[in-house]
Amino acid sequence: QVQLVESGGGLVQAGGSLRLSCAASGFIFSPKSMAWYRQVPGEQRELVAGINPDHTTMYEDSVKGRFRISRANAKNTVYLQMNSLKPEDTAVYYCNFAGPINYWGQGTQVTVSS
């Protein structure tokens, strides 16, 4: 079955960096688009970044120039490098694969202190 396992979250000061990883299994990874979402309690989950099989990317406006999504097909892994973090980036970050249904990981907490 499809599994997405995120790691790399934590507590960081404003201006710091974190690198999230999402290890995927249960489907053929390389030809699939992948994405990172985030969610704050009481708010809707929002798309942060996406990456296509050809490595083209898209970013939500507030993270452009600070976050970078990448993928390593040999490792079935998608990454989110987050730099210049801000307190408003605090959220649970989820890996996503939009297959026949939407698949989600368990999420990883990112907390940015001011």
Protein backbone atom coordinates (compact mmCIF):
# COMPACT_ATOMS: atom_id res chain seq x y z
CA GLN A 1 0.00 0.00 0.00
CA VAL A 2 1.03 3.62 -0.46
CA GLN A 3 3.10 4.98 2.40
CA LEU A 4 4.55 8.45 2.84
CA VAL A 5 6.82 9.00 5.82
CA GLU A 6 7.94 12.53 6.65
CA SER A 7 10.90 13.46 8.79
CA GLY A 8 13.07 16.46 9.58
CA GLY A 9 10.72 18.77 11.42
CA GLY A 10 11.62 20.47 14.67
CA LEU A 11 12.04 23.71 16.53
CA VAL A 12 14.17 26.43 14.95
CA GLN A 13 14.71 30.13 15.51
CA ALA A 14 13.52 32.66 12.97
CA GLY A 15 16.02 32.92 10.14
CA GLY A 16 17.08 29.32 10.53
CA SER A 17 16.76 26.36 8.19
CA LEU A 18 15.26 22.90 8.16
CA ARG A 19 15.19 20.13 5.57
CA LEU A 20 12.14 17.91 5.42
CA SER A 21 12.22 14.49 3.80
CA CYS A 22 9.40 12.28 2.61
CA ALA A 23 10.13 8.63 1.90
CA ALA A 24 7.57 7.12 -0.46
CA SER A 25 6.70 3.47 -1.05
CA GLY A 26 3.93 1.37 -2.52
CA PHE A 27 3.80 3.03 -5.93
CA ILE A 28 6.09 3.81 -8.84
CA PHE A 29 7.61 7.09 -7.69
CA SER A 30 9.53 8.55 -10.62
CA PRO A 31 6.63 9.37 -12.98
CA LYS A 32 4.47 10.95 -10.27
CA SER A 33 4.09 14.55 -9.16
CA MET A 34 4.64 15.10 -5.45
CA ALA A 35 3.85 18.00 -3.16
CA TRP A 36 4.27 19.46 0.31
CA TYR A 37 1.35 20.98 2.17
CA ARG A 38 1.12 22.57 5.59
CA GLN A 39 -1.64 23.07 8.09
CA VAL A 40 -2.14 25.27 11.11
CA PRO A 41 -4.78 24.20 13.65
CA GLY A 42 -8.16 25.60 12.73
CA GLU A 43 -7.12 26.43 9.20
CA GLN A 44 -7.28 24.65 5.86
CA ARG A 45 -4.33 22.65 4.62
CA GLU A 46 -2.46 24.73 2.04
CA LEU A 47 -0.19 23.77 -0.83
CA VAL A 48 3.39 24.90 -0.20
CA ALA A 49 5.32 23.43 -3.13
CA GLY A 50 5.02 20.82 -5.85
CA ILE A 51 7.40 18.99 -8.13
CA ASN A 52 6.65 17.17 -11.37
CA PRO A 53 8.39 14.11 -12.80
CA ASP A 54 10.48 16.41 -15.02
CA HIS A 55 11.59 18.30 -11.88
CA THR A 56 9.64 21.44 -12.74
CA THR A 57 8.41 23.09 -9.57
CA MET A 58 5.83 25.48 -8.20
CA TYR A 59 5.70 27.40 -4.94
CA GLU A 60 3.14 29.21 -2.87
CA ASP A 61 3.91 32.93 -3.02
CA SER A 62 4.94 33.34 0.61
CA VAL A 63 7.71 30.74 0.35
CA LYS A 64 9.15 31.67 -3.05
CA GLY A 65 12.86 32.33 -2.79
CA ARG A 66 13.07 30.70 0.66
CA PHE A 67 11.94 27.09 0.13
CA ARG A 68 13.15 24.60 -2.44
CA ILE A 69 11.48 21.31 -3.31
CA SER A 70 13.51 18.54 -4.88
CA ARG A 71 13.31 14.81 -5.47
CA ALA A 72 15.67 11.85 -5.58
CA ASN A 73 14.00 9.19 -7.69
CA ALA A 74 16.65 6.61 -6.86
CA LYS A 75 15.65 6.96 -3.21
CA ASN A 76 11.89 7.43 -3.74
CA THR A 77 12.23 10.59 -1.68
CA VAL A 78 11.05 14.16 -1.98
CA TYR A 79 12.65 16.97 0.02
CA LEU A 80 11.71 20.44 1.16
CA GLN A 81 14.63 22.70 2.00
CA MET A 82 13.33 25.59 4.08
CA ASN A 83 15.57 28.62 4.60
CA SER A 84 15.02 32.00 6.22
CA LEU A 85 12.21 30.52 8.26
CA LYS A 86 9.62 32.83 9.77
CA PRO A 87 7.26 32.30 12.73
CA GLU A 88 4.37 32.22 10.24
CA ASP A 89 5.89 29.09 8.70
CA THR A 90 4.99 27.23 11.90
CA ALA A 91 2.68 24.36 10.93
CA VAL A 92 2.44 20.63 10.47
CA TYR A 93 3.96 19.81 7.10
CA TYR A 94 2.54 16.95 5.04
CA CYS A 95 3.84 15.08 2.04
CA ASN A 96 1.25 14.43 -0.66
CA PHE A 97 0.80 12.10 -3.61
CA ALA A 98 -2.33 12.72 -5.67
CA GLY A 99 -3.01 9.23 -7.00
CA PRO A 100 -6.45 7.65 -7.47
CA ILE A 101 -7.07 9.26 -4.11
CA ASN A 102 -5.07 11.82 -2.15
CA TYR A 103 -2.40 10.14 -0.06
CA TRP A 104 -0.87 11.87 2.95
CA GLY A 105 1.94 11.20 5.34
CA GLN A 106 1.53 11.49 9.09
CA GLY A 107 2.95 15.00 9.10
CA THR A 108 5.96 16.57 10.75
CA GLN A 109 5.77 19.57 13.06
CA VAL A 110 7.78 22.66 12.20
CA THR A 111 7.93 25.35 14.86
CA VAL A 112 9.70 28.64 14.24
CA SER A 113 10.32 30.81 17.27
CA SER A 114 10.69 34.57 17.05
